[in-house]
Protein backbone atom coordinates (compact mmCIF):
# COMPACT_ATOMS: atom_id res chain seq x y z
CA MET A 1 78.05 67.86 105.47
CA GLN A 2 80.74 69.72 105.13
CA ARG A 3 80.85 73.98 104.92
CA VAL A 4 82.69 75.96 102.46
CA ILE A 5 84.80 78.53 104.23
CA LEU A 6 85.74 81.30 101.79
CA ARG A 7 88.95 83.03 103.01
CA SER A 8 90.09 86.53 101.02
CA SER A 9 93.04 85.70 98.70
CA ARG A 10 94.16 88.95 98.34
CA GLY A 11 96.75 89.50 100.69
CA ALA A 12 98.30 86.14 99.31
CA LEU A 13 98.64 87.54 95.74
CA PRO A 14 101.62 88.97 94.25
CA THR A 15 100.72 92.69 93.01
CA ALA A 16 102.55 95.84 92.21
CA ALA A 17 103.29 97.20 94.81
CA LYS A 18 105.21 93.91 97.27
CA LEU A 19 107.42 93.51 93.67
CA VAL A 20 108.49 97.15 94.02
CA ALA A 21 109.08 97.10 98.02
CA GLY A 22 110.60 93.91 97.27
CA VAL A 23 113.50 94.71 94.93
CA GLY A 24 113.16 98.11 96.66
CA LEU A 25 114.68 96.73 99.83
CA ALA A 26 116.50 93.84 98.67
CA LEU A 27 118.92 97.12 96.86
CA THR A 28 118.80 99.27 99.92
CA GLY A 29 119.73 95.69 101.12
CA LEU A 30 122.84 95.48 99.22
CA PHE A 31 124.01 99.39 99.95
CA THR A 32 123.67 99.17 103.27
CA ALA A 33 125.75 95.86 103.06
CA SER A 34 128.47 97.24 101.87
CA ALA A 35 128.35 100.99 103.90
CA ILE A 36 128.45 98.11 106.80
CA LEU A 37 131.96 96.12 105.67
CA PRO A 38 134.60 99.12 106.27
CA TYR A 39 133.41 99.56 109.90
CA LEU A 40 132.91 95.70 111.23
CA PRO A 41 135.99 94.80 113.35
CA ALA A 42 139.29 93.36 111.31
CA GLY A 43 138.30 89.33 111.10
CA THR A 44 134.61 89.52 111.39
CA ARG A 45 133.29 86.84 109.05
CA ASP A 46 131.37 88.73 105.92
CA GLN A 47 130.69 86.04 103.55
CA GLY A 48 127.48 86.33 101.48
CA ALA A 49 126.63 89.43 103.63
CA GLY A 50 125.66 91.38 100.37
CA LEU A 51 123.53 88.81 99.39
CA MET A 52 121.78 87.87 102.46
CA SER A 53 121.01 91.40 103.08
CA MET A 54 119.13 91.02 99.66
CA SER A 55 117.56 88.08 100.72
CA PHE A 56 116.35 89.66 103.57
CA GLY A 57 115.58 92.57 101.99
CA TRP A 58 113.06 90.87 99.24
CA LEU A 59 111.02 89.11 101.70
CA ILE A 60 111.07 91.78 104.48
CA GLY A 61 109.57 94.59 101.48
CA TRP A 62 107.50 91.78 100.39
CA ARG A 63 105.90 90.94 103.49
CA VAL A 64 105.68 94.23 105.72
CA ILE A 65 106.46 97.17 102.84
CA GLY A 66 103.92 95.58 100.38
CA ARG A 67 101.03 93.89 102.63
CA ALA A 68 99.97 96.71 103.27
CA PRO A 69 100.72 100.27 100.68
CA GLN A 70 99.54 103.26 102.10
CA ALA A 71 97.20 105.81 101.06
CA THR A 72 99.68 109.23 102.42
CA MET A 73 103.30 109.48 102.31
CA ALA A 74 103.50 109.85 106.03
CA GLY A 75 102.05 106.31 106.28
CA ALA A 76 104.75 105.07 103.90
CA ALA A 77 107.27 106.63 105.36
CA ARG A 78 106.29 105.37 108.77
CA VAL A 79 105.87 101.80 107.69
CA GLY A 80 109.65 102.05 105.22
CA LEU A 81 111.44 102.53 108.77
CA ARG A 82 109.79 99.66 110.74
CA ALA A 83 110.24 97.89 107.33
CA ALA A 84 114.28 99.53 107.69
CA LEU A 85 114.78 98.21 111.08
CA TRP A 86 113.23 95.17 111.22
CA LEU A 87 115.92 94.30 107.80
CA ALA A 88 118.81 95.32 109.83
CA LEU A 89 117.45 93.68 113.52
CA THR A 90 117.60 90.06 110.53
CA VAL A 91 121.43 90.86 109.02
CA LEU A 92 123.18 91.79 112.43
CA LEU A 93 121.29 88.42 114.00
CA TYR A 94 123.24 86.43 110.51
CA LEU A 95 126.10 88.50 110.83
CA GLY A 96 126.24 87.34 114.48
CA ALA A 97 125.08 83.75 113.86
CA LEU A 98 128.05 83.66 111.19
CA GLN A 99 130.61 84.77 113.70
CA MET A 100 129.38 82.11 115.83
CA MET A 101 129.68 79.39 113.87
CA ALA A 102 133.32 80.29 113.04
CA ARG A 103 134.32 80.39 116.84
CA MET A 104 132.04 77.26 117.33
CA LEU A 105 134.04 75.42 114.47
CA ARG A 106 137.17 76.33 116.93
CA GLY A 107 135.74 75.27 120.45
CA ARG A 108 135.48 77.92 122.55
CA TYR A 109 131.51 76.99 123.62
CA HIS A 110 131.25 74.73 126.06
CA GLY A 111 127.59 74.24 125.37
CA LEU A 112 124.61 75.13 122.98
CA SER A 113 123.06 77.82 125.58
CA GLU A 114 126.39 79.63 125.95
CA ALA A 115 126.94 79.11 121.73
CA LEU A 116 123.17 81.03 121.25
CA THR A 117 123.33 83.86 123.49
CA ASP A 118 126.36 85.06 122.03
CA VAL A 119 124.85 85.00 118.36
CA ILE A 120 122.97 88.52 120.00
CA ALA A 121 126.44 89.49 121.96
CA GLN A 122 127.79 89.25 118.28
CA GLY A 123 125.34 91.10 116.83
CA LEU A 124 125.31 93.33 119.11
CA GLY A 125 128.80 94.13 118.98
CA LEU A 126 128.99 94.37 115.07
CA GLY A 127 125.47 97.26 115.28
CA ALA A 128 127.39 98.67 117.63
CA ALA A 129 130.42 99.07 115.12
CA ALA A 130 127.88 99.42 113.14
CA VAL A 131 126.21 102.76 114.03
CA GLN A 132 127.34 105.01 111.50
CA LEU A 133 125.59 108.44 109.83
CA ASP A 134 126.37 107.22 106.25
CA VAL A 135 125.10 103.21 107.13
CA ILE A 136 122.11 105.12 109.02
CA ALA A 137 120.75 107.24 106.31
CA THR A 138 121.28 104.86 103.77
CA LEU A 139 119.83 102.06 105.38
CA PHE A 140 116.62 104.12 106.76
CA LEU A 141 116.08 106.44 103.52
CA GLY A 142 116.10 103.01 101.67
CA GLY A 143 112.85 101.77 103.38
CA VAL A 144 111.66 104.96 103.24
CA LEU A 145 111.84 105.75 99.06
CA SER A 146 110.89 101.76 98.44
CA ALA A 147 107.86 101.92 100.22
CA ILE A 148 106.67 105.29 99.24
CA LEU A 149 107.49 104.21 95.51
CA SER A 150 105.21 100.76 96.30
CA ALA A 151 102.16 102.94 96.98
CA TRP A 152 103.21 104.36 93.83
CA ALA A 153 102.25 101.62 92.28
CA ALA A 154 99.77 100.54 94.15
CA ARG A 155 98.23 103.76 93.44
CA ARG A 156 99.68 103.46 89.46
CA TRP A 157 98.64 99.69 89.39
CA GLN A 158 95.64 99.00 90.54
């Protein structure tokens, strides 16, 4: 006889909180990417940085913020800061991978391990160049605002 296992599908269903969180963090990613571009070194490949930041923002907002809308403002701010940090790390990793691919096509690496470690080095270099007050404020305020709006949407449309 086969056993029936019931799982809660509540976390998998689309909700208003997930939608608001995804849209909010996608816009945060777009605004942050446009704020970072002037601070990047000359010759940095930034093709599609805004679109990829929006994509990463949508995914992280849906999965991190929207999954657990907080009841309090402090809890929402904490989740928003965590999501903004995830967004910054993924975008810097993406930009580092773009730089590595450009160098790889020019034959600058002797092995796979050298190329993979350079992804992290390139991401850290771009992150160090982009540590500016307006970029950090845009990123973290957008993350916190997205989480607060997501919590409001969860309470409003339950």
